[in-house]
Amino acid sequence: MCVRVELTKRPVEGFSAGLLEDDNIFEWEIMIMGPHDTLYEGGFFRAIMTFPKEYPLLPPKLRFTTDIYHPNVYPNGEVCISILHPPGEDKYGYEQASERWSPVHTVETILISVISMLSSPNDESPANIEAAKEWRDNYPSYKKKVQRIARRSAEEF
């Protein structure tokens, strides 16, 4: 995985990534900085990206280890976005095959997608139903909760 070298040469604003343990290339520690002009601004969100042995044919999994409240993040921290879903047709017909995993994706494109997800949640197919419902029905309460979590994450950093 020469991605590590590539990210070192051309760092991308908004996140950092590196091996969790030097001798395990399948688990990466990720730090995502809350994007500017979003409810997550100022927060520091840690995550673990786990690559399957079949990578790059199958997508990695990304799970936040810092508390985060978002319609597209399961309560256990696992991120649910199209490019992290296995390649091929969606058996439920919600996603097109072109929106799902492809070996052309990199750690960089995945994390840019996650940063984009933080800016604009997809509430049509939520991983966290409570967060999606609150985002739609009581945005002021959702906003307050997310900003409190972002502040706490910065304090813990």
N, C-alpha and C. Protein backbone atom coordinates (compact mmCIF):
# COMPACT_ATOMS: atom_id res chain seq x y z
N MET A 1 0.85 -1.19 0.00
CA MET A 1 0.00 0.00 0.00
C MET A 1 0.89 1.24 0.00
N CYS A 2 1.13 1.77 -1.16
CA CYS A 2 1.98 2.95 -1.28
C CYS A 2 1.18 4.22 -1.00
N VAL A 3 -0.06 4.10 -0.56
CA VAL A 3 -0.89 5.25 -0.22
C VAL A 3 -0.23 6.08 0.88
N ARG A 4 0.39 5.41 1.83
CA ARG A 4 1.04 6.11 2.94
C ARG A 4 2.10 7.07 2.40
N VAL A 5 2.90 6.62 1.45
CA VAL A 5 3.93 7.46 0.86
C VAL A 5 3.29 8.62 0.11
N GLU A 6 2.22 8.33 -0.63
CA GLU A 6 1.52 9.36 -1.41
C GLU A 6 0.95 10.45 -0.49
N LEU A 7 0.34 10.07 0.62
CA LEU A 7 -0.23 11.05 1.55
C LEU A 7 0.87 11.88 2.21
N THR A 8 2.03 11.30 2.39
CA THR A 8 3.15 12.04 2.97
C THR A 8 3.67 13.08 1.99
N LYS A 9 3.73 12.69 0.71
CA LYS A 9 4.21 13.62 -0.32
C LYS A 9 3.22 14.75 -0.58
N ARG A 10 1.93 14.40 -0.62
CA ARG A 10 0.90 15.38 -0.94
C ARG A 10 -0.18 15.35 0.16
N PRO A 11 0.09 15.94 1.32
CA PRO A 11 -0.92 15.91 2.38
C PRO A 11 -2.19 16.65 1.96
N VAL A 12 -3.31 16.16 2.42
CA VAL A 12 -4.60 16.74 2.10
C VAL A 12 -5.14 17.41 3.34
N GLU A 13 -5.64 18.61 3.18
CA GLU A 13 -6.18 19.36 4.31
C GLU A 13 -7.44 18.69 4.84
N GLY A 14 -7.57 18.65 6.15
CA GLY A 14 -8.78 18.14 6.76
C GLY A 14 -8.65 16.78 7.42
N PHE A 15 -7.56 16.08 7.14
CA PHE A 15 -7.38 14.78 7.78
C PHE A 15 -5.91 14.39 7.79
N SER A 16 -5.61 13.43 8.65
CA SER A 16 -4.30 12.78 8.62
C SER A 16 -4.55 11.29 8.74
N ALA A 17 -3.60 10.52 8.21
CA ALA A 17 -3.76 9.06 8.22
C ALA A 17 -2.39 8.41 8.34
N GLY A 18 -2.36 7.32 9.06
CA GLY A 18 -1.13 6.56 9.20
C GLY A 18 -1.41 5.20 9.80
N LEU A 19 -0.43 4.34 9.77
CA LEU A 19 -0.61 2.99 10.32
C LEU A 19 -0.89 3.06 11.81
N LEU A 20 -1.81 2.24 12.26
CA LEU A 20 -2.11 2.14 13.69
C LEU A 20 -0.93 1.50 14.41
N GLU A 21 -0.38 0.45 13.82
CA GLU A 21 0.83 -0.23 14.33
C GLU A 21 1.76 -0.42 13.14
N ASP A 22 3.03 -0.17 13.33
CA ASP A 22 3.99 -0.22 12.23
C ASP A 22 4.01 -1.54 11.47
N ASP A 23 3.69 -2.65 12.14
CA ASP A 23 3.79 -3.95 11.48
C ASP A 23 2.45 -4.46 10.94
N ASN A 24 1.40 -3.61 10.93
CA ASN A 24 0.09 -4.04 10.44
C ASN A 24 -0.41 -3.03 9.41
N ILE A 25 -0.25 -3.35 8.13
CA ILE A 25 -0.67 -2.42 7.08
C ILE A 25 -2.18 -2.43 6.85
N PHE A 26 -2.91 -3.30 7.53
CA PHE A 26 -4.35 -3.42 7.32
C PHE A 26 -5.19 -2.53 8.24
N GLU A 27 -4.57 -1.89 9.23
CA GLU A 27 -5.31 -1.00 10.13
C GLU A 27 -4.63 0.36 10.19
N TRP A 28 -5.40 1.38 9.87
CA TRP A 28 -4.89 2.74 9.85
C TRP A 28 -5.64 3.58 10.88
N GLU A 29 -4.92 4.49 11.49
CA GLU A 29 -5.52 5.47 12.39
C GLU A 29 -5.76 6.73 11.57
N ILE A 30 -6.96 7.25 11.67
CA ILE A 30 -7.37 8.42 10.90
C ILE A 30 -7.77 9.52 11.89
N MET A 31 -7.42 10.75 11.54
CA MET A 31 -7.90 11.91 12.30
C MET A 31 -8.56 12.84 11.29
N ILE A 32 -9.83 13.11 11.51
CA ILE A 32 -10.57 14.03 10.64
C ILE A 32 -10.86 15.30 11.43
N MET A 33 -10.45 16.41 10.86
CA MET A 33 -10.73 17.70 11.47
C MET A 33 -12.10 18.16 10.98
N GLY A 34 -12.95 18.60 11.92
CA GLY A 34 -14.29 19.05 11.54
C GLY A 34 -14.20 20.11 10.45
N PRO A 35 -14.88 19.89 9.32
CA PRO A 35 -14.78 20.83 8.21
C PRO A 35 -15.30 22.23 8.54
N HIS A 36 -14.62 23.22 7.98
CA HIS A 36 -14.99 24.62 8.13
C HIS A 36 -16.44 24.84 7.66
N ASP A 37 -17.15 25.70 8.34
CA ASP A 37 -18.54 26.04 8.00
C ASP A 37 -19.50 24.85 8.10
N THR A 38 -19.20 23.92 9.00
CA THR A 38 -20.13 22.83 9.29
C THR A 38 -20.34 22.80 10.80
N LEU A 39 -21.31 22.02 11.22
CA LEU A 39 -21.55 21.86 12.66
C LEU A 39 -20.38 21.17 13.36
N TYR A 40 -19.55 20.48 12.61
CA TYR A 40 -18.43 19.72 13.16
C TYR A 40 -17.15 20.54 13.24
N GLU A 41 -17.20 21.80 12.79
CA GLU A 41 -16.02 22.66 12.76
C GLU A 41 -15.39 22.75 14.14
N GLY A 42 -14.07 22.65 14.17
CA GLY A 42 -13.34 22.72 15.43
C GLY A 42 -13.17 21.39 16.13
N GLY A 43 -13.88 20.36 15.66
CA GLY A 43 -13.77 19.04 16.27
C GLY A 43 -12.63 18.24 15.68
N PHE A 44 -12.17 17.26 16.45
CA PHE A 44 -11.14 16.33 16.01
C PHE A 44 -11.69 14.93 16.23
N PHE A 45 -11.91 14.22 15.14
CA PHE A 45 -12.59 12.93 15.20
C PHE A 45 -11.65 11.81 14.76
N ARG A 46 -11.36 10.93 15.71
CA ARG A 46 -10.49 9.79 15.43
C ARG A 46 -11.32 8.65 14.84
N ALA A 47 -10.67 7.89 13.97
CA ALA A 47 -11.32 6.74 13.35
C ALA A 47 -10.27 5.68 13.04
N ILE A 48 -10.75 4.48 12.80
CA ILE A 48 -9.90 3.37 12.39
C ILE A 48 -10.40 2.91 11.02
N MET A 49 -9.49 2.81 10.08
CA MET A 49 -9.82 2.26 8.77
C MET A 49 -9.19 0.88 8.69
N THR A 50 -10.02 -0.12 8.44
CA THR A 50 -9.58 -1.51 8.38
C THR A 50 -9.72 -2.02 6.96
N PHE A 51 -8.61 -2.48 6.40
CA PHE A 51 -8.59 -2.98 5.03
C PHE A 51 -8.74 -4.49 5.04
N PRO A 52 -9.60 -5.02 4.15
CA PRO A 52 -9.70 -6.48 4.05
C PRO A 52 -8.51 -7.04 3.28
N LYS A 53 -8.26 -8.31 3.43
CA LYS A 53 -7.16 -8.96 2.69
C LYS A 53 -7.37 -8.84 1.17
N GLU A 54 -8.62 -8.69 0.74
CA GLU A 54 -8.94 -8.62 -0.68
C GLU A 54 -8.83 -7.20 -1.25
N TYR A 55 -8.37 -6.24 -0.43
CA TYR A 55 -8.20 -4.87 -0.90
C TYR A 55 -7.18 -4.87 -2.04
N PRO A 56 -7.39 -4.20 -3.12
CA PRO A 56 -8.37 -3.15 -3.40
C PRO A 56 -9.65 -3.62 -4.07
N LEU A 57 -9.84 -4.94 -4.16
CA LEU A 57 -11.07 -5.43 -4.80
C LEU A 57 -12.30 -5.19 -3.92
N LEU A 58 -12.12 -5.18 -2.61
CA LEU A 58 -13.19 -4.89 -1.67
C LEU A 58 -12.82 -3.65 -0.86
N PRO A 59 -13.83 -2.90 -0.40
CA PRO A 59 -13.55 -1.65 0.31
C PRO A 59 -13.11 -1.86 1.75
N PRO A 60 -12.40 -0.87 2.29
CA PRO A 60 -12.11 -0.91 3.72
C PRO A 60 -13.36 -0.53 4.51
N LYS A 61 -13.29 -0.70 5.80
CA LYS A 61 -14.34 -0.22 6.71
C LYS A 61 -13.76 0.96 7.47
N LEU A 62 -14.59 1.93 7.76
CA LEU A 62 -14.16 3.10 8.53
C LEU A 62 -15.10 3.23 9.72
N ARG A 63 -14.49 3.27 10.92
CA ARG A 63 -15.29 3.39 12.15
C ARG A 63 -14.70 4.49 13.02
N PHE A 64 -15.55 5.47 13.36
CA PHE A 64 -15.12 6.52 14.28
C PHE A 64 -14.94 5.92 15.66
N THR A 65 -13.87 6.30 16.33
CA THR A 65 -13.66 5.88 17.71
C THR A 65 -13.95 7.05 18.66
N THR A 66 -14.07 8.23 18.10
CA THR A 66 -14.52 9.41 18.85
C THR A 66 -16.03 9.48 18.70
N ASP A 67 -16.74 9.91 19.74
CA ASP A 67 -18.18 10.08 19.62
C ASP A 67 -18.49 11.01 18.45
N ILE A 68 -19.49 10.62 17.68
CA ILE A 68 -19.95 11.46 16.58
C ILE A 68 -21.44 11.17 16.39
N TYR A 69 -22.18 12.19 16.05
CA TYR A 69 -23.63 12.06 15.87
C TYR A 69 -23.93 12.54 14.46
N HIS A 70 -24.35 11.61 13.60
CA HIS A 70 -24.55 11.94 12.19
C HIS A 70 -25.49 10.90 11.58
N PRO A 71 -26.38 11.31 10.67
CA PRO A 71 -27.31 10.35 10.06
C PRO A 71 -26.63 9.21 9.31
N ASN A 72 -25.40 9.40 8.83
CA ASN A 72 -24.73 8.37 8.04
C ASN A 72 -23.64 7.63 8.80
N VAL A 73 -23.71 7.72 10.13
CA VAL A 73 -22.77 7.00 10.98
C VAL A 73 -23.59 6.19 11.99
N TYR A 74 -23.40 4.87 11.94
CA TYR A 74 -24.12 4.01 12.89
C TYR A 74 -23.74 4.39 14.32
N PRO A 75 -24.62 4.13 15.29
CA PRO A 75 -24.29 4.44 16.68
C PRO A 75 -22.96 3.83 17.16
N ASN A 76 -22.51 2.73 16.55
CA ASN A 76 -21.22 2.13 16.94
C ASN A 76 -20.03 2.84 16.27
N GLY A 77 -20.29 3.87 15.46
CA GLY A 77 -19.23 4.65 14.83
C GLY A 77 -18.93 4.26 13.39
N GLU A 78 -19.51 3.17 12.90
CA GLU A 78 -19.22 2.73 11.54
C GLU A 78 -19.86 3.69 10.52
N VAL A 79 -19.05 4.10 9.54
CA VAL A 79 -19.50 5.03 8.50
C VAL A 79 -20.23 4.26 7.41
N CYS A 80 -21.35 4.82 6.97
CA CYS A 80 -22.16 4.22 5.92
C CYS A 80 -22.27 5.21 4.77
N ILE A 81 -21.36 5.06 3.80
CA ILE A 81 -21.45 5.86 2.57
C ILE A 81 -21.28 4.91 1.39
N SER A 82 -21.82 5.30 0.26
CA SER A 82 -21.87 4.43 -0.91
C SER A 82 -20.52 3.88 -1.32
N ILE A 83 -19.47 4.70 -1.32
CA ILE A 83 -18.19 4.20 -1.84
C ILE A 83 -17.55 3.15 -0.93
N LEU A 84 -18.09 2.98 0.26
CA LEU A 84 -17.59 1.93 1.15
C LEU A 84 -18.45 0.67 1.09
N HIS A 85 -19.44 0.66 0.20
CA HIS A 85 -20.26 -0.54 0.02
C HIS A 85 -19.63 -1.41 -1.06
N PRO A 86 -19.72 -2.72 -0.93
CA PRO A 86 -19.08 -3.63 -1.90
C PRO A 86 -19.48 -3.30 -3.34
N PRO A 87 -18.59 -3.59 -4.29
CA PRO A 87 -18.89 -3.27 -5.68
C PRO A 87 -20.07 -4.06 -6.22
N GLY A 88 -20.64 -3.55 -7.29
CA GLY A 88 -21.74 -4.26 -7.95
C GLY A 88 -23.07 -3.57 -7.71
N GLU A 89 -24.09 -4.24 -8.14
CA GLU A 89 -25.45 -3.70 -8.02
C GLU A 89 -25.94 -3.79 -6.58
N ASP A 90 -26.70 -2.80 -6.16
CA ASP A 90 -27.31 -2.77 -4.84
C ASP A 90 -28.57 -3.62 -4.88
N LYS A 91 -28.64 -4.64 -4.04
CA LYS A 91 -29.79 -5.56 -4.07
C LYS A 91 -31.10 -4.85 -3.72
N TYR A 92 -31.02 -3.68 -3.07
CA TYR A 92 -32.23 -2.92 -2.73
C TYR A 92 -32.56 -1.87 -3.78
N GLY A 93 -31.68 -1.68 -4.74
CA GLY A 93 -31.94 -0.74 -5.82
C GLY A 93 -31.78 0.73 -5.43
N TYR A 94 -31.17 0.98 -4.28
CA TYR A 94 -31.02 2.37 -3.83
C TYR A 94 -29.81 3.05 -4.48
N GLU A 95 -28.71 2.30 -4.62
CA GLU A 95 -27.48 2.87 -5.16
C GLU A 95 -27.19 2.28 -6.53
N GLN A 96 -26.60 3.09 -7.39
CA GLN A 96 -26.13 2.59 -8.67
C GLN A 96 -24.75 1.97 -8.44
N ALA A 97 -24.40 1.01 -9.27
CA ALA A 97 -23.10 0.34 -9.15
C ALA A 97 -21.96 1.36 -9.24
N SER A 98 -22.14 2.41 -10.02
CA SER A 98 -21.10 3.44 -10.18
C SER A 98 -20.86 4.25 -8.92
N GLU A 99 -21.81 4.22 -7.97
CA GLU A 99 -21.66 4.96 -6.72
C GLU A 99 -20.95 4.14 -5.64
N ARG A 100 -20.84 2.86 -5.87
CA ARG A 100 -20.29 1.95 -4.87
C ARG A 100 -18.78 1.79 -5.04
N TRP A 101 -18.18 0.94 -4.22
CA TRP A 101 -16.73 0.75 -4.22
C TRP A 101 -16.19 0.40 -5.60
N SER A 102 -15.04 0.99 -5.86
CA SER A 102 -14.26 0.67 -7.05
C SER A 102 -12.80 0.71 -6.63
N PRO A 103 -11.96 -0.16 -7.19
CA PRO A 103 -10.54 -0.17 -6.82
C PRO A 103 -9.81 1.15 -7.12
N VAL A 104 -10.42 2.04 -7.86
CA VAL A 104 -9.76 3.33 -8.12
C VAL A 104 -9.79 4.24 -6.90
N HIS A 105 -10.65 3.94 -5.93
CA HIS A 105 -10.72 4.77 -4.72
C HIS A 105 -9.47 4.56 -3.88
N THR A 106 -9.08 5.62 -3.21
CA THR A 106 -7.90 5.62 -2.34
C THR A 106 -8.31 6.08 -0.96
N VAL A 107 -7.38 6.01 -0.03
CA VAL A 107 -7.65 6.56 1.31
C VAL A 107 -8.06 8.02 1.17
N GLU A 108 -7.37 8.74 0.31
CA GLU A 108 -7.69 10.15 0.10
C GLU A 108 -9.12 10.36 -0.39
N THR A 109 -9.55 9.61 -1.41
CA THR A 109 -10.91 9.81 -1.94
C THR A 109 -11.96 9.39 -0.92
N ILE A 110 -11.66 8.36 -0.14
CA ILE A 110 -12.60 7.94 0.91
C ILE A 110 -12.76 9.05 1.94
N LEU A 111 -11.65 9.59 2.41
CA LEU A 111 -11.72 10.60 3.46
C LEU A 111 -12.31 11.92 2.96
N ILE A 112 -12.07 12.24 1.72
CA ILE A 112 -12.73 13.43 1.14
C ILE A 112 -14.24 13.20 1.10
N SER A 113 -14.67 11.98 0.78
CA SER A 113 -16.10 11.65 0.80
C SER A 113 -16.68 11.74 2.21
N VAL A 114 -15.92 11.31 3.21
CA VAL A 114 -16.40 11.39 4.59
C VAL A 114 -16.51 12.85 5.02
N ILE A 115 -15.54 13.66 4.65
CA ILE A 115 -15.59 15.09 4.98
C ILE A 115 -16.81 15.72 4.30
N SER A 116 -17.07 15.35 3.07
CA SER A 116 -18.25 15.84 2.36
C SER A 116 -19.53 15.38 3.06
N MET A 117 -19.54 14.12 3.52
CA MET A 117 -20.69 13.58 4.24
C MET A 117 -21.00 14.40 5.50
N LEU A 118 -19.93 14.84 6.20
CA LEU A 118 -20.14 15.65 7.40
C LEU A 118 -20.82 16.97 7.04
N SER A 119 -20.50 17.49 5.86
CA SER A 119 -21.08 18.76 5.41
C SER A 119 -22.53 18.62 4.98
N SER A 120 -22.86 17.49 4.38
CA SER A 120 -24.23 17.32 3.88
C SER A 120 -24.70 15.88 4.04
N PRO A 121 -25.37 15.60 5.15
CA PRO A 121 -25.86 14.25 5.42
C PRO A 121 -26.88 13.78 4.38
N ASN A 122 -26.93 12.47 4.18
CA ASN A 122 -27.95 11.86 3.34
C ASN A 122 -28.97 11.24 4.29
N ASP A 123 -30.10 11.89 4.43
CA ASP A 123 -31.12 11.40 5.37
C ASP A 123 -32.12 10.45 4.72
N GLU A 124 -31.94 10.16 3.42
CA GLU A 124 -32.85 9.25 2.73
C GLU A 124 -32.57 7.79 3.07
N SER A 125 -31.34 7.49 3.43
CA SER A 125 -30.95 6.13 3.77
C SER A 125 -30.03 6.18 4.98
N PRO A 126 -30.58 6.53 6.15
CA PRO A 126 -29.73 6.76 7.31
C PRO A 126 -29.22 5.49 7.98
N ALA A 127 -28.02 5.59 8.52
CA ALA A 127 -27.46 4.54 9.36
C ALA A 127 -27.90 4.77 10.80
N ASN A 128 -28.04 6.03 11.17
CA ASN A 128 -28.49 6.41 12.51
C ASN A 128 -29.85 7.08 12.35
N ILE A 129 -30.91 6.32 12.53
CA ILE A 129 -32.27 6.81 12.31
C ILE A 129 -32.61 7.95 13.26
N GLU A 130 -32.18 7.84 14.51
CA GLU A 130 -32.44 8.91 15.48
C GLU A 130 -31.82 10.24 15.03
N ALA A 131 -30.57 10.19 14.59
CA ALA A 131 -29.89 11.41 14.13
C ALA A 131 -30.58 11.98 12.89
N ALA A 132 -30.97 11.12 11.96
CA ALA A 132 -31.65 11.59 10.74
C ALA A 132 -32.99 12.23 11.07
N LYS A 133 -33.73 11.60 11.97
CA LYS A 133 -35.04 12.15 12.37
C LYS A 133 -34.85 13.50 13.05
N GLU A 134 -33.87 13.61 13.94
CA GLU A 134 -33.63 14.87 14.63
C GLU A 134 -33.13 15.94 13.65
N TRP A 135 -32.30 15.56 12.71
CA TRP A 135 -31.79 16.49 11.69
C TRP A 135 -32.94 17.08 10.88
N ARG A 136 -33.92 16.21 10.52
CA ARG A 136 -35.08 16.66 9.74
C ARG A 136 -36.11 17.41 10.57
N ASP A 137 -36.44 16.88 11.76
CA ASP A 137 -37.59 17.38 12.51
C ASP A 137 -37.27 18.41 13.59
N ASN A 138 -36.04 18.40 14.09
CA ASN A 138 -35.67 19.33 15.17
C ASN A 138 -34.22 19.75 14.98
N TYR A 139 -33.97 20.48 13.88
CA TYR A 139 -32.61 20.86 13.53
C TYR A 139 -31.90 21.64 14.65
N PRO A 140 -32.56 22.57 15.35
CA PRO A 140 -31.86 23.28 16.43
C PRO A 140 -31.31 22.32 17.51
N SER A 141 -32.07 21.29 17.84
CA SER A 141 -31.60 20.31 18.83
C SER A 141 -30.44 19.50 18.27
N TYR A 142 -30.55 19.09 17.01
CA TYR A 142 -29.48 18.35 16.35
C TYR A 142 -28.21 19.18 16.33
N LYS A 143 -28.33 20.43 15.94
CA LYS A 143 -27.19 21.34 15.85
C LYS A 143 -26.49 21.47 17.20
N LYS A 144 -27.27 21.66 18.25
CA LYS A 144 -26.72 21.81 19.60
C LYS A 144 -25.96 20.56 20.02
N LYS A 145 -26.55 19.39 19.75
CA LYS A 145 -25.92 18.11 20.13
C LYS A 145 -24.60 17.92 19.38
N VAL A 146 -24.59 18.17 18.07
CA VAL A 146 -23.38 17.99 17.27
C VAL A 146 -22.29 18.96 17.70
N GLN A 147 -22.65 20.22 17.92
CA GLN A 147 -21.65 21.20 18.33
C GLN A 147 -21.06 20.87 19.70
N ARG A 148 -21.86 20.32 20.60
CA ARG A 148 -21.37 19.90 21.92
C ARG A 148 -20.37 18.75 21.75
N ILE A 149 -20.69 17.80 20.87
CA ILE A 149 -19.79 16.68 20.61
C ILE A 149 -18.49 17.17 19.98
N ALA A 150 -18.57 18.13 19.05
CA ALA A 150 -17.37 18.67 18.41
C ALA A 150 -16.48 19.37 19.44
N ARG A 151 -17.08 20.16 20.32
CA ARG A 151 -16.30 20.85 21.38
C ARG A 151 -15.62 19.83 22.28
N ARG A 152 -16.35 18.80 22.68
CA ARG A 152 -15.80 17.76 23.56
C ARG A 152 -14.63 17.04 22.88
N SER A 153 -14.77 16.77 21.59
CA SER A 153 -13.70 16.07 20.87
C SER A 153 -12.44 16.92 20.81
N ALA A 154 -12.60 18.25 20.70
CA ALA A 154 -11.44 19.15 20.68
C ALA A 154 -10.77 19.19 22.05
N GLU A 155 -11.57 19.15 23.11
CA GLU A 155 -11.02 19.16 24.47
C GLU A 155 -10.26 17.88 24.76
N GLU A 156 -10.75 16.75 24.24
CA GLU A 156 -10.11 15.46 24.47
C GLU A 156 -8.85 15.29 23.63
N PHE A 157 -8.75 16.07 22.57
CA PHE A 157 -7.60 15.98 21.67
C PHE A 157 -6.39 16.55 22.36
